[in-house]
Amino acid sequence: MSVLKVGIVQHSCSNDKFDNITHTLVAIGDAVDAGAELVILQELHCSPYFCQVEEVSQFEWADTIPGETVNIYAEAARNYEVVLITSLFEKRAAGIYHNTAVVFEKDGSIAGKYRKMHIPDDPAYYEKFYFTPGDLGFEPIDTSVGRLGVLLCWDQWYPEAARLMALAGAELLIYPTAIGYETSDDEAEQQRQLDAWRSIQRGHAVANGLPVVCVNRTGFEADWSGQTKGIHFWGRSFVAGPQGEILFEAPQGDACVEVVEIDKDRTEAVRRIWPFFRDRRIDAYQGLMQRYLD
């Protein structure tokens, strides 16, 4: 059995970048002390979720790659000898910004990057104002702990993204996330959204015979503009096995550092009994390249 120990870091974020970074560094150490070989941070963990409002001053949260913040996390990966997945607001050039996952190898080098491909534009989630769509494609990142299919938040609703990562040889699907209840929604709608979020990602696990790791932020973050009532990020980070079975689920409202054991060999076993890749009709899927079949 090939077991990978995966550390999950779920927490709330403040308006103080230094405090947020300090918190994640402590949590990385806690996960490594508990045996983690791979540690995954949530989406945009250095900042509050600034996308609730379209405001040009919020671009100041961005970092260059390489840059000071990247150097901090590179040093953490090197000091702890752990593979580390971060999620940074990348300033690529004047006027070009991305939502970027940076993966660090155990020696602190950058193993690879993934730039978020699907960018939402919904009330309280005005990401199109800030993020240029990714241009690195759906390419897994090779590391010493395996080939990692790293995606980001809104990507998790798209089976095409998960499938392409799987077809390119990803051994895990990983989703750093920032999702919660926009607090004007009623309780029934909030529950439907949570159920849908868990279901779609468990479906990616089943359809591709791969473990899925979702790491979400938690806590309430106010909308300083007053346009909405703010977001309650629901936490509930979870790990699903290749048949969609829940291996771990974090609490809804609390910070959490957890190490979860994933048996990577189960992918082979599951794909032998559920040979979805064998039975795909690749000759009949041309319509997937169309926006809509009129």
C-alpha atoms as a PDB file:
ATOM      1  CA  MET A   1       0.000   0.000   0.000  1.00  0.00           C
ATOM      2  CA  SER A   2       1.381   3.386  -1.062  1.00  0.00           C
ATOM      3  CA  VAL A   3       0.199   5.785   1.643  1.00  0.00           C
ATOM      4  CA  LEU A   4       0.553   9.546   1.276  1.00  0.00           C
ATOM      5  CA  LYS A   5       0.041  11.672   4.392  1.00  0.00           C
ATOM      6  CA  VAL A   6      -1.707  14.890   3.369  1.00  0.00           C
ATOM      7  CA  GLY A   7      -1.928  17.907   5.661  1.00  0.00           C
ATOM      8  CA  ILE A   8      -4.993  20.152   5.368  1.00  0.00           C
ATOM      9  CA  VAL A   9      -4.939  23.709   6.733  1.00  0.00           C
ATOM     10  CA  GLN A  10      -8.371  25.349   7.157  1.00  0.00           C
ATOM     11  CA  HIS A  11      -8.626  28.736   8.871  1.00  0.00           C
ATOM     12  CA  SER A  12     -10.131  32.215   8.815  1.00  0.00           C
ATOM     13  CA  CYS A  13      -8.269  35.196   7.367  1.00  0.00           C
ATOM     14  CA  SER A  14      -7.889  38.770   8.610  1.00  0.00           C
ATOM     15  CA  ASN A  15      -6.985  42.074   6.982  1.00  0.00           C
ATOM     16  CA  ASP A  16      -3.411  41.688   8.227  1.00  0.00           C
ATOM     17  CA  LYS A  17      -1.230  39.910   5.683  1.00  0.00           C
ATOM     18  CA  PHE A  18       1.574  39.312   8.171  1.00  0.00           C
ATOM     19  CA  ASP A  19      -0.817  37.646  10.623  1.00  0.00           C
ATOM     20  CA  ASN A  20      -2.273  35.442   7.887  1.00  0.00           C
ATOM     21  CA  ILE A  21       1.157  34.307   6.754  1.00  0.00           C
ATOM     22  CA  THR A  22       2.292  33.721  10.326  1.00  0.00           C
ATOM     23  CA  HIS A  23      -0.788  31.605  10.975  1.00  0.00           C
ATOM     24  CA  THR A  24      -0.177  29.424   7.926  1.00  0.00           C
ATOM     25  CA  LEU A  25       3.489  28.943   8.793  1.00  0.00           C
ATOM     26  CA  VAL A  26       2.581  27.696  12.268  1.00  0.00           C
ATOM     27  CA  ALA A  27      -0.077  25.414  10.793  1.00  0.00           C
ATOM     28  CA  ILE A  28       2.376  23.974   8.255  1.00  0.00           C
ATOM     29  CA  GLY A  29       4.683  23.103  11.125  1.00  0.00           C
ATOM     30  CA  ASP A  30       1.826  21.483  13.046  1.00  0.00           C
ATOM     31  CA  ALA A  31       0.895  19.372  10.011  1.00  0.00           C
ATOM     32  CA  VAL A  32       4.488  18.269   9.479  1.00  0.00           C
ATOM     33  CA  ASP A  33       4.808  17.395  13.171  1.00  0.00           C
ATOM     34  CA  ALA A  34       1.763  15.148  12.669  1.00  0.00           C
ATOM     35  CA  GLY A  35       3.490  13.370   9.788  1.00  0.00           C
ATOM     36  CA  ALA A  36       2.383  15.309   6.682  1.00  0.00           C
ATOM     37  CA  GLU A  37       4.444  14.823   3.527  1.00  0.00           C
ATOM     38  CA  LEU A  38       2.221  17.178   1.507  1.00  0.00           C
ATOM     39  CA  VAL A  39       0.557  20.275   2.986  1.00  0.00           C
ATOM     40  CA  ILE A  40      -2.261  22.108   1.196  1.00  0.00           C
ATOM     41  CA  LEU A  41      -3.321  25.664   2.016  1.00  0.00           C
ATOM     42  CA  GLN A  42      -6.677  27.209   1.146  1.00  0.00           C
ATOM     43  CA  GLU A  43      -7.349  29.679  -1.657  1.00  0.00           C
ATOM     44  CA  LEU A  44      -5.925  33.209  -1.200  1.00  0.00           C
ATOM     45  CA  HIS A  45      -4.691  32.396   2.292  1.00  0.00           C
ATOM     46  CA  CYS A  46      -2.563  35.554   2.618  1.00  0.00           C
ATOM     47  CA  SER A  47      -5.490  37.962   2.484  1.00  0.00           C
ATOM     48  CA  PRO A  48      -9.147  38.476   3.218  1.00  0.00           C
ATOM     49  CA  TYR A  49     -11.441  37.511   0.363  1.00  0.00           C
ATOM     50  CA  PHE A  50     -11.165  40.923  -1.299  1.00  0.00           C
ATOM     51  CA  CYS A  51     -13.258  39.917  -4.332  1.00  0.00           C
ATOM     52  CA  GLN A  52     -16.516  40.781  -2.543  1.00  0.00           C
ATOM     53  CA  VAL A  53     -16.133  44.286  -4.012  1.00  0.00           C
ATOM     54  CA  GLU A  54     -14.669  45.724  -7.209  1.00  0.00           C
ATOM     55  CA  GLU A  55     -12.125  48.193  -5.856  1.00  0.00           C
ATOM     56  CA  VAL A  56      -8.767  49.019  -7.430  1.00  0.00           C
ATOM     57  CA  SER A  57      -7.007  49.405  -4.077  1.00  0.00           C
ATOM     58  CA  GLN A  58      -7.397  45.648  -3.526  1.00  0.00           C
ATOM     59  CA  PHE A  59      -4.786  44.939  -6.195  1.00  0.00           C
ATOM     60  CA  GLU A  60      -2.248  45.874  -3.529  1.00  0.00           C
ATOM     61  CA  TRP A  61      -2.693  42.383  -2.045  1.00  0.00           C
ATOM     62  CA  ALA A  62      -0.912  40.905  -5.068  1.00  0.00           C
ATOM     63  CA  ASP A  63       2.582  39.365  -5.062  1.00  0.00           C
ATOM     64  CA  THR A  64       5.092  38.785  -7.808  1.00  0.00           C
ATOM     65  CA  ILE A  65       6.442  35.307  -8.534  1.00  0.00           C
ATOM     66  CA  PRO A  66       9.252  35.162  -7.550  1.00  0.00           C
ATOM     67  CA  GLY A  67       8.907  37.667  -4.751  1.00  0.00           C
ATOM     68  CA  GLU A  68       8.939  38.194  -1.008  1.00  0.00           C
ATOM     69  CA  THR A  69       5.884  36.074  -0.174  1.00  0.00           C
ATOM     70  CA  VAL A  70       7.029  33.263  -2.475  1.00  0.00           C
ATOM     71  CA  ASN A  71      10.388  33.305  -0.712  1.00  0.00           C
ATOM     72  CA  ILE A  72       8.672  32.906   2.669  1.00  0.00           C
ATOM     73  CA  TYR A  73       6.799  29.791   1.567  1.00  0.00           C
ATOM     74  CA  ALA A  74       9.826  28.407  -0.275  1.00  0.00           C
ATOM     75  CA  GLU A  75      11.779  28.670   2.968  1.00  0.00           C
ATOM     76  CA  ALA A  76       8.960  26.946   4.865  1.00  0.00           C
ATOM     77  CA  ALA A  77       8.918  24.036   2.404  1.00  0.00           C
ATOM     78  CA  ARG A  78      12.689  23.753   2.645  1.00  0.00           C
ATOM     79  CA  ASN A  79      12.868  24.017   6.437  1.00  0.00           C
ATOM     80  CA  TYR A  80      10.072  21.499   6.978  1.00  0.00           C
ATOM     81  CA  GLU A  81      11.127  19.288   4.049  1.00  0.00           C
ATOM     82  CA  VAL A  82       7.538  19.100   2.841  1.00  0.00           C
ATOM     83  CA  VAL A  83       5.788  19.524  -0.508  1.00  0.00           C
ATOM     84  CA  LEU A  84       3.632  22.635  -0.105  1.00  0.00           C
ATOM     85  CA  ILE A  85       0.687  23.924  -2.149  1.00  0.00           C
ATOM     86  CA  THR A  86      -0.023  27.637  -1.795  1.00  0.00           C
ATOM     87  CA  SER A  87      -2.579  29.947  -3.422  1.00  0.00           C
ATOM     88  CA  LEU A  88      -1.372  33.451  -4.237  1.00  0.00           C
ATOM     89  CA  PHE A  89      -2.717  36.574  -5.933  1.00  0.00           C
ATOM     90  CA  GLU A  90      -0.093  36.871  -8.660  1.00  0.00           C
ATOM     91  CA  LYS A  91       0.952  40.173 -10.219  1.00  0.00           C
ATOM     92  CA  ARG A  92       2.340  39.015 -13.541  1.00  0.00           C
ATOM     93  CA  ALA A  93       2.658  42.436 -15.159  1.00  0.00           C
ATOM     94  CA  ALA A  94       1.008  45.846 -14.994  1.00  0.00           C
ATOM     95  CA  GLY A  95      -2.719  45.152 -15.419  1.00  0.00           C
ATOM     96  CA  ILE A  96      -2.305  41.348 -15.601  1.00  0.00           C
ATOM     97  CA  TYR A  97      -3.071  39.486 -12.399  1.00  0.00           C
ATOM     98  CA  HIS A  98      -3.830  35.816 -11.793  1.00  0.00           C
ATOM     99  CA  ASN A  99      -5.165  33.585  -9.052  1.00  0.00           C
ATOM    100  CA  THR A 100      -2.217  31.204  -8.930  1.00  0.00           C
ATOM    101  CA  ALA A 101      -1.373  28.038  -7.045  1.00  0.00           C
ATOM    102  CA  VAL A 102       2.367  27.693  -6.492  1.00  0.00           C
ATOM    103  CA  VAL A 103       3.655  24.227  -5.590  1.00  0.00           C
ATOM    104  CA  PHE A 104       6.954  23.986  -3.731  1.00  0.00           C
ATOM    105  CA  GLU A 105       9.184  20.940  -3.608  1.00  0.00           C
ATOM    106  CA  LYS A 106      10.790  19.772  -0.353  1.00  0.00           C
ATOM    107  CA  ASP A 107      13.976  21.673  -1.168  1.00  0.00           C
ATOM    108  CA  GLY A 108      12.076  24.957  -1.541  1.00  0.00           C
ATOM    109  CA  SER A 109      12.217  25.040  -5.328  1.00  0.00           C
ATOM    110  CA  ILE A 110       9.062  25.739  -7.331  1.00  0.00           C
ATOM    111  CA  ALA A 111       7.812  22.436  -8.727  1.00  0.00           C
ATOM    112  CA  GLY A 112       5.155  24.173 -10.797  1.00  0.00           C
ATOM    113  CA  LYS A 113       2.304  26.656 -10.994  1.00  0.00           C
ATOM    114  CA  TYR A 114      -1.355  26.523 -11.915  1.00  0.00           C
ATOM    115  CA  ARG A 115      -3.303  29.649 -12.854  1.00  0.00           C
ATOM    116  CA  LYS A 116      -7.037  29.468 -12.204  1.00  0.00           C
ATOM    117  CA  MET A 117      -8.832  28.837 -15.487  1.00  0.00           C
ATOM    118  CA  HIS A 118     -12.501  29.377 -14.601  1.00  0.00           C
ATOM    119  CA  ILE A 119     -13.160  32.831 -13.153  1.00  0.00           C
ATOM    120  CA  PRO A 120     -16.540  33.567 -11.520  1.00  0.00           C
ATOM    121  CA  ASP A 121     -18.421  36.858 -11.565  1.00  0.00           C
ATOM    122  CA  ASP A 122     -21.304  36.598  -9.110  1.00  0.00           C
ATOM    123  CA  PRO A 123     -22.635  38.782  -6.305  1.00  0.00           C
ATOM    124  CA  ALA A 124     -19.924  38.849  -3.594  1.00  0.00           C
ATOM    125  CA  TYR A 125     -17.542  36.896  -5.881  1.00  0.00           C
ATOM    126  CA  TYR A 126     -16.380  39.519  -8.382  1.00  0.00           C
ATOM    127  CA  GLU A 127     -13.259  37.689  -9.450  1.00  0.00           C
ATOM    128  CA  LYS A 128     -13.302  38.714 -13.111  1.00  0.00           C
ATOM    129  CA  PHE A 129     -12.429  42.241 -11.991  1.00  0.00           C
ATOM    130  CA  TYR A 130      -9.172  40.961 -10.487  1.00  0.00           C
ATOM    131  CA  PHE A 131      -8.083  37.772 -12.237  1.00  0.00           C
ATOM    132  CA  THR A 132      -7.021  37.163 -15.818  1.00  0.00           C
ATOM    133  CA  PRO A 133      -8.007  33.608 -16.839  1.00  0.00           C
ATOM    134  CA  GLY A 134      -5.154  31.131 -16.589  1.00  0.00           C
ATOM    135  CA  ASP A 135      -3.010  30.241 -19.579  1.00  0.00           C
ATOM    136  CA  LEU A 136      -1.052  27.223 -18.283  1.00  0.00           C
ATOM    137  CA  GLY A 137      -3.748  24.695 -19.147  1.00  0.00           C
ATOM    138  CA  PHE A 138      -4.725  21.666 -17.102  1.00  0.00           C
ATOM    139  CA  GLU A 139      -1.284  20.203 -16.521  1.00  0.00           C
ATOM    140  CA  PRO A 140      -0.470  18.127 -13.414  1.00  0.00           C
ATOM    141  CA  ILE A 141       2.598  19.123 -11.430  1.00  0.00           C
ATOM    142  CA  ASP A 142       5.260  16.486 -10.792  1.00  0.00           C
ATOM    143  CA  THR A 143       6.613  16.363  -7.230  1.00  0.00           C
ATOM    144  CA  SER A 144       8.461  13.935  -4.989  1.00  0.00           C
ATOM    145  CA  VAL A 145       5.120  12.812  -3.496  1.00  0.00           C
ATOM    146  CA  GLY A 146       3.373  12.254  -6.809  1.00  0.00           C
ATOM    147  CA  ARG A 147       1.782  13.904  -9.817  1.00  0.00           C
ATOM    148  CA  LEU A 148      -0.639  16.510  -8.474  1.00  0.00           C
ATOM    149  CA  GLY A 149      -3.681  17.801 -10.351  1.00  0.00           C
ATOM    150  CA  VAL A 150      -3.982  21.240  -8.750  1.00  0.00           C
ATOM    151  CA  LEU A 151      -7.069  23.324  -9.559  1.00  0.00           C
ATOM    152  CA  LEU A 152      -8.679  26.290  -7.772  1.00  0.00           C
ATOM    153  CA  CYS A 153     -12.158  26.845  -6.313  1.00  0.00           C
ATOM    154  CA  TRP A 154     -14.525  27.690  -9.223  1.00  0.00           C
ATOM    155  CA  ASP A 155     -12.684  25.083 -11.299  1.00  0.00           C
ATOM    156  CA  GLN A 156     -14.242  22.476  -9.005  1.00  0.00           C
ATOM    157  CA  TRP A 157     -17.627  22.815 -10.725  1.00  0.00           C
ATOM    158  CA  TYR A 158     -16.249  21.728 -14.112  1.00  0.00           C
ATOM    159  CA  PRO A 159     -15.923  18.008 -14.848  1.00  0.00           C
ATOM    160  CA  GLU A 160     -13.852  18.863 -17.925  1.00  0.00           C
ATOM    161  CA  ALA A 161     -11.051  20.289 -15.771  1.00  0.00           C
ATOM    162  CA  ALA A 162     -10.943  17.239 -13.511  1.00  0.00           C
ATOM    163  CA  ARG A 163     -11.042  14.875 -16.496  1.00  0.00           C
ATOM    164  CA  LEU A 164      -8.192  16.601 -18.317  1.00  0.00           C
ATOM    165  CA  MET A 165      -6.044  16.506 -15.206  1.00  0.00           C
ATOM    166  CA  ALA A 166      -6.817  12.815 -14.806  1.00  0.00           C
ATOM    167  CA  LEU A 167      -6.099  12.065 -18.466  1.00  0.00           C
ATOM    168  CA  ALA A 168      -2.727  13.781 -18.061  1.00  0.00           C
ATOM    169  CA  GLY A 169      -1.816  11.387 -15.262  1.00  0.00           C
ATOM    170  CA  ALA A 170      -2.742  13.254 -12.082  1.00  0.00           C
ATOM    171  CA  GLU A 171      -2.680  10.983  -9.032  1.00  0.00           C
ATOM    172  CA  LEU A 172      -4.714  13.356  -6.850  1.00  0.00           C
ATOM    173  CA  LEU A 173      -7.153  16.169  -7.629  1.00  0.00           C
ATOM    174  CA  ILE A 174      -6.556  19.109  -5.282  1.00  0.00           C
ATOM    175  CA  TYR A 175      -8.801  22.162  -4.871  1.00  0.00           C
ATOM    176  CA  PRO A 176      -7.712  25.083  -2.654  1.00  0.00           C
ATOM    177  CA  THR A 177     -11.015  26.894  -2.167  1.00  0.00           C
ATOM    178  CA  ALA A 178     -12.790  29.974  -0.806  1.00  0.00           C
ATOM    179  CA  ILE A 179     -16.507  29.288  -0.783  1.00  0.00           C
ATOM    180  CA  GLY A 180     -19.305  30.026   1.619  1.00  0.00           C
ATOM    181  CA  TYR A 181     -22.787  31.359   2.174  1.00  0.00           C
ATOM    182  CA  GLU A 182     -23.621  34.824   0.963  1.00  0.00           C
ATOM    183  CA  THR A 183     -25.549  35.632   4.124  1.00  0.00           C
ATOM    184  CA  SER A 184     -28.694  37.007   2.476  1.00  0.00           C
ATOM    185  CA  ASP A 185     -29.467  33.462   1.234  1.00  0.00           C
ATOM    186  CA  ASP A 186     -31.989  31.558   3.342  1.00  0.00           C
ATOM    187  CA  GLU A 187     -31.090  28.382   5.215  1.00  0.00           C
ATOM    188  CA  ALA A 188     -32.567  26.027   2.611  1.00  0.00           C
ATOM    189  CA  GLU A 189     -30.564  27.642  -0.194  1.00  0.00           C
ATOM    190  CA  GLN A 190     -27.410  27.553   1.887  1.00  0.00           C
ATOM    191  CA  GLN A 191     -27.835  23.822   2.470  1.00  0.00           C
ATOM    192  CA  ARG A 192     -28.448  23.187  -1.233  1.00  0.00           C
ATOM    193  CA  GLN A 193     -25.241  24.995  -2.097  1.00  0.00           C
ATOM    194  CA  LEU A 194     -23.198  23.054   0.440  1.00  0.00           C
ATOM    195  CA  ASP A 195     -24.628  19.730  -0.711  1.00  0.00           C
ATOM    196  CA  ALA A 196     -23.951  20.583  -4.357  1.00  0.00           C
ATOM    197  CA  TRP A 197     -20.363  21.593  -3.571  1.00  0.00           C
ATOM    198  CA  ARG A 198     -19.613  18.295  -1.866  1.00  0.00           C
ATOM    199  CA  SER A 199     -21.486  16.237  -4.461  1.00  0.00           C
ATOM    200  CA  ILE A 200     -19.771  17.644  -7.541  1.00  0.00           C
ATOM    201  CA  GLN A 201     -16.304  16.988  -6.170  1.00  0.00           C
ATOM    202  CA  ARG A 202     -17.158  13.504  -4.972  1.00  0.00           C
ATOM    203  CA  GLY A 203     -18.392  12.985  -8.518  1.00  0.00           C
ATOM    204  CA  HIS A 204     -14.964  13.972  -9.864  1.00  0.00           C
ATOM    205  CA  ALA A 205     -13.444  11.319  -7.584  1.00  0.00           C
ATOM    206  CA  VAL A 206     -15.838   8.656  -8.844  1.00  0.00           C
ATOM    207  CA  ALA A 207     -15.690   9.583 -12.539  1.00  0.00           C
ATOM    208  CA  ASN A 208     -11.893   9.614 -12.567  1.00  0.00           C
ATOM    209  CA  GLY A 209     -11.082   6.995  -9.931  1.00  0.00           C
ATOM    210  CA  LEU A 210      -8.924   9.499  -8.061  1.00  0.00           C
ATOM    211  CA  PRO A 211      -8.713  10.878  -4.518  1.00  0.00           C
ATOM    212  CA  VAL A 212      -9.962  14.454  -4.236  1.00  0.00           C
ATOM    213  CA  VAL A 213      -8.732  16.944  -1.613  1.00  0.00           C
ATOM    214  CA  CYS A 214     -10.718  20.153  -1.049  1.00  0.00           C
ATOM    215  CA  VAL A 215      -9.301  22.755   1.367  1.00  0.00           C
ATOM    216  CA  ASN A 216     -11.673  25.617   2.151  1.00  0.00           C
ATOM    217  CA  ARG A 217     -11.407  28.702   4.322  1.00  0.00           C
ATOM    218  CA  THR A 218     -13.742  29.337   7.244  1.00  0.00           C
ATOM    219  CA  GLY A 219     -15.104  32.267   9.240  1.00  0.00           C
ATOM    220  CA  PHE A 220     -17.174  35.375   8.494  1.00  0.00           C
ATOM    221  CA  GLU A 221     -15.792  38.130   6.278  1.00  0.00           C
ATOM    222  CA  ALA A 222     -17.788  41.346   6.036  1.00  0.00           C
ATOM    223  CA  ASP A 223     -18.457  43.244   2.828  1.00  0.00           C
ATOM    224  CA  TRP A 224     -16.937  46.609   3.710  1.00  0.00           C
ATOM    225  CA  SER A 225     -18.912  48.305   0.912  1.00  0.00           C
ATOM    226  CA  GLY A 226     -22.265  47.310   2.395  1.00  0.00           C
ATOM    227  CA  GLN A 227     -23.515  45.936  -0.922  1.00  0.00           C
ATOM    228  CA  THR A 228     -24.065  42.488   0.614  1.00  0.00           C
ATOM    229  CA  LYS A 229     -24.201  41.105   4.138  1.00  0.00           C
ATOM    230  CA  GLY A 230     -20.804  39.437   3.798  1.00  0.00           C
ATOM    231  CA  ILE A 231     -19.799  35.792   3.412  1.00  0.00           C
ATOM    232  CA  HIS A 232     -19.731  32.986   5.949  1.00  0.00           C
ATOM    233  CA  PHE A 233     -17.056  30.690   4.550  1.00  0.00           C
ATOM    234  CA  TRP A 234     -18.259  27.270   5.551  1.00  0.00           C
ATOM    235  CA  GLY A 235     -15.017  25.355   5.960  1.00  0.00           C
ATOM    236  CA  ARG A 236     -15.955  21.684   5.684  1.00  0.00           C
ATOM    237  CA  SER A 237     -12.666  20.852   3.939  1.00  0.00           C
ATOM    238  CA  PHE A 238     -12.732  17.186   2.986  1.00  0.00           C
ATOM    239  CA  VAL A 239     -10.916  14.300   1.378  1.00  0.00           C
ATOM    240  CA  ALA A 240     -12.735  11.769  -0.789  1.00  0.00           C
ATOM    241  CA  GLY A 241     -11.371   8.449  -1.966  1.00  0.00           C
ATOM    242  CA  PRO A 242     -11.562   7.219  -5.579  1.00  0.00           C
ATOM    243  CA  GLN A 243     -15.077   5.855  -5.103  1.00  0.00           C
ATOM    244  CA  GLY A 244     -16.280   9.125  -3.577  1.00  0.00           C
ATOM    245  CA  GLU A 245     -16.045   7.801  -0.027  1.00  0.00           C
ATOM    246  CA  ILE A 246     -15.399  10.514   2.573  1.00  0.00           C
ATOM    247  CA  LEU A 247     -12.081   9.892   4.308  1.00  0.00           C
ATOM    248  CA  PHE A 248     -12.154  13.092   6.356  1.00  0.00           C
ATOM    249  CA  GLU A 249     -14.312  16.187   6.769  1.00  0.00           C
ATOM    250  CA  ALA A 250     -13.363  19.296   8.766  1.00  0.00           C
ATOM    251  CA  PRO A 251     -15.812  21.203  10.965  1.00  0.00           C
ATOM    252  CA  GLN A 252     -17.972  23.939   9.518  1.00  0.00           C
ATOM    253  CA  GLY A 253     -16.987  26.976  11.545  1.00  0.00           C
ATOM    254  CA  ASP A 254     -13.608  26.254  13.089  1.00  0.00           C
ATOM    255  CA  ALA A 255      -9.967  26.310  12.092  1.00  0.00           C
ATOM    256  CA  CYS A 256      -8.510  22.877  11.512  1.00  0.00           C
ATOM    257  CA  VAL A 257      -5.142  21.270  10.840  1.00  0.00           C
ATOM    258  CA  GLU A 258      -5.508  17.602   9.970  1.00  0.00           C
ATOM    259  CA  VAL A 259      -3.337  14.923   8.410  1.00  0.00           C
ATOM    260  CA  VAL A 260      -5.196  12.383   6.283  1.00  0.00           C
ATOM    261  CA  GLU A 261      -3.751   9.153   4.922  1.00  0.00           C
ATOM    262  CA  ILE A 262      -4.477   8.488   1.254  1.00  0.00           C
ATOM    263  CA  ASP A 263      -3.784   5.104  -0.326  1.00  0.00           C
ATOM    264  CA  LYS A 264      -2.627   5.983  -3.832  1.00  0.00           C
ATOM    265  CA  ASP A 265      -2.745   2.327  -4.919  1.00  0.00           C
ATOM    266  CA  ARG A 266      -6.548   2.317  -4.673  1.00  0.00           C
ATOM    267  CA  THR A 267      -6.773   4.182  -7.969  1.00  0.00           C
ATOM    268  CA  GLU A 268      -5.476   1.133  -9.834  1.00  0.00           C
ATOM    269  CA  ALA A 269      -7.812  -1.196  -7.950  1.00  0.00           C
ATOM    270  CA  VAL A 270     -10.873   1.006  -8.497  1.00  0.00           C
ATOM    271  CA  ARG A 271     -10.181   1.579 -12.185  1.00  0.00           C
ATOM    272  CA  ARG A 272     -10.004  -2.184 -12.718  1.00  0.00           C
ATOM    273  CA  ILE A 273     -13.551  -2.676 -11.437  1.00  0.00           C
ATOM    274  CA  TRP A 274     -14.942   0.614 -12.781  1.00  0.00           C
ATOM    275  CA  PRO A 275     -13.141   1.007 -16.141  1.00  0.00           C
ATOM    276  CA  PHE A 276     -14.636   4.367 -17.084  1.00  0.00           C
ATOM    277  CA  PHE A 277     -11.516   5.373 -19.011  1.00  0.00           C
ATOM    278  CA  ARG A 278     -11.651   2.189 -21.092  1.00  0.00           C
ATOM    279  CA  ASP A 279     -15.285   2.737 -22.070  1.00  0.00           C
ATOM    280  CA  ARG A 280     -15.125   6.421 -22.951  1.00  0.00           C
ATOM    281  CA  ARG A 281     -16.486   7.095 -26.458  1.00  0.00           C
ATOM    282  CA  ILE A 282     -13.811   9.553 -27.502  1.00  0.00           C
ATOM    283  CA  ASP A 283     -15.117   9.342 -31.078  1.00  0.00           C
ATOM    284  CA  ALA A 284     -18.453  10.869 -30.031  1.00  0.00           C
ATOM    285  CA  TYR A 285     -17.558  13.812 -27.792  1.00  0.00           C
ATOM    286  CA  GLN A 286     -16.952  16.525 -30.398  1.00  0.00           C
ATOM    287  CA  GLY A 287     -19.867  18.522 -29.038  1.00  0.00           C
ATOM    288  CA  LEU A 288     -17.928  19.233 -25.868  1.00  0.00           C
ATOM    289  CA  MET A 289     -15.865  21.729 -27.837  1.00  0.00           C
ATOM    290  CA  GLN A 290     -18.980  23.837 -28.523  1.00  0.00           C
ATOM    291  CA  ARG A 291     -20.449  26.512 -26.232  1.00  0.00           C
ATOM    292  CA  TYR A 292     -23.928  25.077 -26.754  1.00  0.00           C
ATOM    293  CA  LEU A 293     -25.505  22.619 -29.199  1.00  0.00           C
ATOM    294  CA  ASP A 294     -28.250  24.665 -30.864  1.00  0.00           C
END
